PDB file of N, CA and C in Angstrom:
ATOM      1  N   UNK A   1      42.524 -46.218-189.968  1.00  0.00           N
ATOM      2  CA  UNK A   1      42.106 -46.803-188.714  1.00  0.00           C
ATOM      3  C   UNK A   1      40.582 -46.869-188.690  1.00  0.00           C
ATOM      4  N   UNK A   2      40.061 -48.045-188.430  1.00  0.00           N
ATOM      5  CA  UNK A   2      38.614 -48.246-188.357  1.00  0.00           C
ATOM      6  C   UNK A   2      38.223 -48.266-186.882  1.00  0.00           C
ATOM      7  N   UNK A   3      37.428 -47.285-186.504  1.00  0.00           N
ATOM      8  CA  UNK A   3      37.001 -47.192-185.110  1.00  0.00           C
ATOM      9  C   UNK A   3      35.494 -47.377-185.073  1.00  0.00           C
ATOM     10  N   UNK A   4      35.030 -48.027-184.059  1.00  0.00           N
ATOM     11  CA  UNK A   4      33.599 -48.283-183.903  1.00  0.00           C
ATOM     12  C   UNK A   4      32.820 -46.965-183.903  1.00  0.00           C
ATOM     13  N   UNK A   5      31.901 -46.862-184.853  1.00  0.00           N
ATOM     14  CA  UNK A   5      31.053 -45.675-184.921  1.00  0.00           C
ATOM     15  C   UNK A   5      30.202 -45.570-183.655  1.00  0.00           C
ATOM     16  N   UNK A   6      29.802 -46.716-183.114  1.00  0.00           N
ATOM     17  CA  UNK A   6      29.017 -46.738-181.885  1.00  0.00           C
ATOM     18  C   UNK A   6      29.797 -46.099-180.733  1.00  0.00           C
ATOM     19  N   UNK A   7      31.073 -46.424-180.614  1.00  0.00           N
ATOM     20  CA  UNK A   7      31.894 -45.858-179.541  1.00  0.00           C
ATOM     21  C   UNK A   7      32.062 -44.355-179.738  1.00  0.00           C
ATOM     22  N   UNK A   8      32.289 -43.937-180.952  1.00  0.00           N
ATOM     23  CA  UNK A   8      32.412 -42.501-181.220  1.00  0.00           C
ATOM     24  C   UNK A   8      31.118 -41.777-180.868  1.00  0.00           C
ATOM     25  N   UNK A   9      29.990 -42.384-181.195  1.00  0.00           N
ATOM     26  CA  UNK A   9      28.697 -41.778-180.861  1.00  0.00           C
ATOM     27  C   UNK A   9      28.489 -41.709-179.353  1.00  0.00           C
ATOM     28  N   UNK A  10      28.908 -42.754-178.638  1.00  0.00           N
ATOM     29  CA  UNK A  10      28.790 -42.749-177.178  1.00  0.00           C
ATOM     30  C   UNK A  10      29.639 -41.635-176.569  1.00  0.00           C
ATOM     31  N   UNK A  11      30.841 -41.446-177.110  1.00  0.00           N
ATOM     32  CA  UNK A  11      31.725 -40.381-176.618  1.00  0.00           C
ATOM     33  C   UNK A  11      31.085 -39.021-176.863  1.00  0.00           C
ATOM     34  N   UNK A  12      30.566 -38.822-178.055  1.00  0.00           N
ATOM     35  CA  UNK A  12      29.948 -37.539-178.381  1.00  0.00           C
ATOM     36  C   UNK A  12      28.727 -37.277-177.508  1.00  0.00           C
ATOM     37  N   UNK A  13      27.913 -38.292-177.273  1.00  0.00           N
ATOM     38  CA  UNK A  13      26.734 -38.132-176.421  1.00  0.00           C
ATOM     39  C   UNK A  13      27.150 -37.817-174.981  1.00  0.00           C
ATOM     40  N   UNK A  14      28.162 -38.520-174.477  1.00  0.00           N
ATOM     41  CA  UNK A  14      28.643 -38.276-173.113  1.00  0.00           C
ATOM     42  C   UNK A  14      29.224 -36.869-172.988  1.00  0.00           C
ATOM     43  N   UNK A  15      29.933 -36.410-174.007  1.00  0.00           N
ATOM     44  CA  UNK A  15      30.497 -35.055-174.006  1.00  0.00           C
ATOM     45  C   UNK A  15      29.377 -34.017-173.989  1.00  0.00           C
ATOM     46  N   UNK A  16      28.361 -34.264-174.807  1.00  0.00           N
ATOM     47  CA  UNK A  16      27.229 -33.343-174.865  1.00  0.00           C
ATOM     48  C   UNK A  16      26.493 -33.305-173.513  1.00  0.00           C
ATOM     49  N   UNK A  17      26.290 -34.474-172.910  1.00  0.00           N
ATOM     50  CA  UNK A  17      25.625 -34.539-171.602  1.00  0.00           C
ATOM     51  C   UNK A  17      26.436 -33.809-170.533  1.00  0.00           C
ATOM     52  N   UNK A  18      27.741 -33.943-170.583  1.00  0.00           N
ATOM     53  CA  UNK A  18      28.603 -33.248-169.626  1.00  0.00           C
ATOM     54  C   UNK A  18      28.449 -31.739-169.781  1.00  0.00           C
ATOM     55  N   UNK A  19      28.468 -31.283-171.015  1.00  0.00           N
ATOM     56  CA  UNK A  19      28.311 -29.853-171.279  1.00  0.00           C
ATOM     57  C   UNK A  19      26.973 -29.347-170.734  1.00  0.00           C
ATOM     58  N   UNK A  20      25.906 -30.107-170.953  1.00  0.00           N
ATOM     59  CA  UNK A  20      24.583 -29.716-170.457  1.00  0.00           C
ATOM     60  C   UNK A  20      24.555 -29.678-168.934  1.00  0.00           C
ATOM     61  N   UNK A  21      25.193 -30.656-168.294  1.00  0.00           N
ATOM     62  CA  UNK A  21      25.223 -30.675-166.830  1.00  0.00           C
ATOM     63  C   UNK A  21      25.977 -29.468-166.270  1.00  0.00           C
ATOM     64  N   UNK A  22      27.084 -29.112-166.904  1.00  0.00           N
ATOM     65  CA  UNK A  22      27.850 -27.949-166.447  1.00  0.00           C
ATOM     66  C   UNK A  22      26.995 -26.691-166.578  1.00  0.00           C
ATOM     67  N   UNK A  23      26.313 -26.549-167.716  1.00  0.00           N
ATOM     68  CA  UNK A  23      25.432 -25.383-167.897  1.00  0.00           C
ATOM     69  C   UNK A  23      24.319 -25.378-166.849  1.00  0.00           C
ATOM     70  N   UNK A  24      23.716 -26.535-166.633  1.00  0.00           N
ATOM     71  CA  UNK A  24      22.603 -26.642-165.669  1.00  0.00           C
ATOM     72  C   UNK A  24      23.052 -26.276-164.256  1.00  0.00           C
ATOM     73  N   UNK A  25      24.288 -26.617-163.930  1.00  0.00           N
ATOM     74  CA  UNK A  25      24.823 -26.343-162.599  1.00  0.00           C
ATOM     75  C   UNK A  25      25.621 -25.050-162.559  1.00  0.00           C
ATOM     76  N   UNK A  26      25.362 -24.177-163.528  1.00  0.00           N
ATOM     77  CA  UNK A  26      25.966 -22.838-163.589  1.00  0.00           C
ATOM     78  C   UNK A  26      27.484 -22.887-163.496  1.00  0.00           C
ATOM     79  N   UNK A  27      28.082 -23.802-164.256  1.00  0.00           N
ATOM     80  CA  UNK A  27      29.540 -23.897-164.301  1.00  0.00           C
ATOM     81  C   UNK A  27      30.148 -24.621-163.121  1.00  0.00           C
ATOM     82  N   UNK A  28      29.310 -25.240-162.295  1.00  0.00           N
ATOM     83  CA  UNK A  28      29.807 -25.922-161.100  1.00  0.00           C
ATOM     84  C   UNK A  28      30.483 -27.238-161.446  1.00  0.00           C
ATOM     85  N   UNK A  29      31.786 -27.191-161.644  1.00  0.00           N
ATOM     86  CA  UNK A  29      32.528 -28.388-162.049  1.00  0.00           C
ATOM     87  C   UNK A  29      32.663 -29.397-160.918  1.00  0.00           C
ATOM     88  N   UNK A  30      32.423 -28.970-159.691  1.00  0.00           N
ATOM     89  CA  UNK A  30      32.542 -29.872-158.552  1.00  0.00           C
ATOM     90  C   UNK A  30      31.241 -30.566-158.177  1.00  0.00           C
ATOM     91  N   UNK A  31      30.183 -30.290-158.910  1.00  0.00           N
ATOM     92  CA  UNK A  31      28.896 -30.920-158.610  1.00  0.00           C
ATOM     93  C   UNK A  31      29.009 -32.426-158.839  1.00  0.00           C
ATOM     94  N   UNK A  32      28.454 -33.231-157.953  1.00  0.00           N
ATOM     95  CA  UNK A  32      28.581 -34.691-158.080  1.00  0.00           C
ATOM     96  C   UNK A  32      28.116 -35.255-159.429  1.00  0.00           C
ATOM     97  N   UNK A  33      27.045 -34.692-159.993  1.00  0.00           N
ATOM     98  CA  UNK A  33      26.575 -35.170-161.297  1.00  0.00           C
ATOM     99  C   UNK A  33      27.582 -34.873-162.404  1.00  0.00           C
ATOM    100  N   UNK A  34      28.209 -33.704-162.318  1.00  0.00           N
ATOM    101  CA  UNK A  34      29.215 -33.323-163.313  1.00  0.00           C
ATOM    102  C   UNK A  34      30.428 -34.238-163.200  1.00  0.00           C
ATOM    103  N   UNK A  35      30.856 -34.492-161.982  1.00  0.00           N
ATOM    104  CA  UNK A  35      32.018 -35.365-161.769  1.00  0.00           C
ATOM    105  C   UNK A  35      31.723 -36.776-162.274  1.00  0.00           C
ATOM    106  N   UNK A  36      30.535 -37.285-161.980  1.00  0.00           N
ATOM    107  CA  UNK A  36      30.142 -38.622-162.442  1.00  0.00           C
ATOM    108  C   UNK A  36      30.157 -38.710-163.967  1.00  0.00           C
ATOM    109  N   UNK A  37      29.590 -37.704-164.620  1.00  0.00           N
ATOM    110  CA  UNK A  37      29.534 -37.706-166.075  1.00  0.00           C
ATOM    111  C   UNK A  37      30.934 -37.554-166.675  1.00  0.00           C
ATOM    112  N   UNK A  38      31.762 -36.751-166.040  1.00  0.00           N
ATOM    113  CA  UNK A  38      33.135 -36.580-166.498  1.00  0.00           C
ATOM    114  C   UNK A  38      33.901 -37.900-166.418  1.00  0.00           C
ATOM    115  N   UNK A  39      33.670 -38.644-165.353  1.00  0.00           N
ATOM    116  CA  UNK A  39      34.336 -39.936-165.192  1.00  0.00           C
ATOM    117  C   UNK A  39      33.847 -40.936-166.237  1.00  0.00           C
ATOM    118  N   UNK A  40      32.560 -40.892-166.545  1.00  0.00           N
ATOM    119  CA  UNK A  40      32.010 -41.780-167.583  1.00  0.00           C
ATOM    120  C   UNK A  40      32.624 -41.439-168.937  1.00  0.00           C
ATOM    121  N   UNK A  41      32.745 -40.152-169.226  1.00  0.00           N
ATOM    122  CA  UNK A  41      33.378 -39.717-170.478  1.00  0.00           C
ATOM    123  C   UNK A  41      34.841 -40.159-170.512  1.00  0.00           C
ATOM    124  N   UNK A  42      35.542 -40.022-169.413  1.00  0.00           N
ATOM    125  CA  UNK A  42      36.940 -40.461-169.337  1.00  0.00           C
ATOM    126  C   UNK A  42      37.067 -41.943-169.681  1.00  0.00           C
ATOM    127  N   UNK A  43      36.176 -42.754-169.138  1.00  0.00           N
ATOM    128  CA  UNK A  43      36.224 -44.200-169.410  1.00  0.00           C
ATOM    129  C   UNK A  43      36.026 -44.493-170.898  1.00  0.00           C
ATOM    130  N   UNK A  44      35.094 -43.792-171.527  1.00  0.00           N
ATOM    131  CA  UNK A  44      34.871 -43.999-172.965  1.00  0.00           C
ATOM    132  C   UNK A  44      36.092 -43.570-173.772  1.00  0.00           C
ATOM    133  N   UNK A  45      36.698 -42.454-173.396  1.00  0.00           N
ATOM    134  CA  UNK A  45      37.891 -41.984-174.104  1.00  0.00           C
ATOM    135  C   UNK A  45      39.042 -42.959-173.896  1.00  0.00           C
ATOM    136  N   UNK A  46      39.183 -43.484-172.682  1.00  0.00           N
ATOM    137  CA  UNK A  46      40.228 -44.486-172.426  1.00  0.00           C
ATOM    138  C   UNK A  46      40.017 -45.725-173.285  1.00  0.00           C
ATOM    139  N   UNK A  47      38.773 -46.161-173.414  1.00  0.00           N
ATOM    140  CA  UNK A  47      38.471 -47.317-174.257  1.00  0.00           C
ATOM    141  C   UNK A  47      38.833 -47.024-175.712  1.00  0.00           C
ATOM    142  N   UNK A  48      38.483 -45.845-176.175  1.00  0.00           N
ATOM    143  CA  UNK A  48      38.820 -45.425-177.538  1.00  0.00           C
ATOM    144  C   UNK A  48      40.336 -45.480-177.752  1.00  0.00           C
ATOM    145  N   UNK A  49      41.083 -44.942-176.783  1.00  0.00           N
ATOM    146  CA  UNK A  49      42.546 -44.928-176.889  1.00  0.00           C
ATOM    147  C   UNK A  49      43.127 -46.344-176.875  1.00  0.00           C
ATOM    148  N   UNK A  50      42.568 -47.227-176.044  1.00  0.00           N
ATOM    149  CA  UNK A  50      43.055 -48.614-176.010  1.00  0.00           C
ATOM    150  C   UNK A  50      42.845 -49.288-177.371  1.00  0.00           C
ATOM    151  N   UNK A  51      41.668 -49.109-177.930  1.00  0.00           N
ATOM    152  CA  UNK A  51      41.375 -49.702-179.240  1.00  0.00           C
ATOM    153  C   UNK A  51      42.293 -49.114-180.296  1.00  0.00           C
ATOM    154  N   UNK A  52      42.474 -47.818-180.240  1.00  0.00           N
ATOM    155  CA  UNK A  52      43.325 -47.128-181.210  1.00  0.00           C
ATOM    156  C   UNK A  52      44.766 -47.640-181.145  1.00  0.00           C
ATOM    157  N   UNK A  53      45.284 -47.788-179.928  1.00  0.00           N
ATOM    158  CA  UNK A  53      46.664 -48.293-179.770  1.00  0.00           C
ATOM    159  C   UNK A  53      46.784 -49.716-180.283  1.00  0.00           C
ATOM    160  N   UNK A  54      45.793 -50.545-179.984  1.00  0.00           N
ATOM    161  CA  UNK A  54      45.836 -51.935-180.437  1.00  0.00           C
ATOM    162  C   UNK A  54      45.758 -52.038-181.942  1.00  0.00           C
ATOM    163  N   UNK A  55      45.024 -51.160-182.585  1.00  0.00           N
ATOM    164  CA  UNK A  55      44.921 -51.196-184.044  1.00  0.00           C
ATOM    165  C   UNK A  55      46.215 -50.751-184.713  1.00  0.00           C
ATOM    166  N   UNK A  56      46.951 -49.855-184.078  1.00  0.00           N
ATOM    167  CA  UNK A  56      48.203 -49.399-184.673  1.00  0.00           C
ATOM    168  C   UNK A  56      49.318 -50.415-184.463  1.00  0.00           C
ATOM    169  N   UNK A  57      49.180 -51.294-183.480  1.00  0.00           N
ATOM    170  CA  UNK A  57      50.196 -52.311-183.217  1.00  0.00           C
ATOM    171  C   UNK A  57      50.055 -53.516-184.137  1.00  0.00           C
ATOM    172  N   UNK A  58      48.888 -53.699-184.700  1.00  0.00           N
ATOM    173  CA  UNK A  58      48.659 -54.879-185.553  1.00  0.00           C
ATOM    174  C   UNK A  58      48.871 -54.557-186.994  1.00  0.00           C
TER     175      UNK A  58
END
């Protein structure tokens, strides 16, 4: 399966940013910035999964 390296890098960067935000907010998972970043990461992962499913169907 060939997956966009750019998308994988975006996911990794978003994951890293989320981790930093959680640390900065002392584990506060309900902080608006943490929730926003988590949602952005979710969207990237959903995109990855959509591409992955489409590649396995073809």
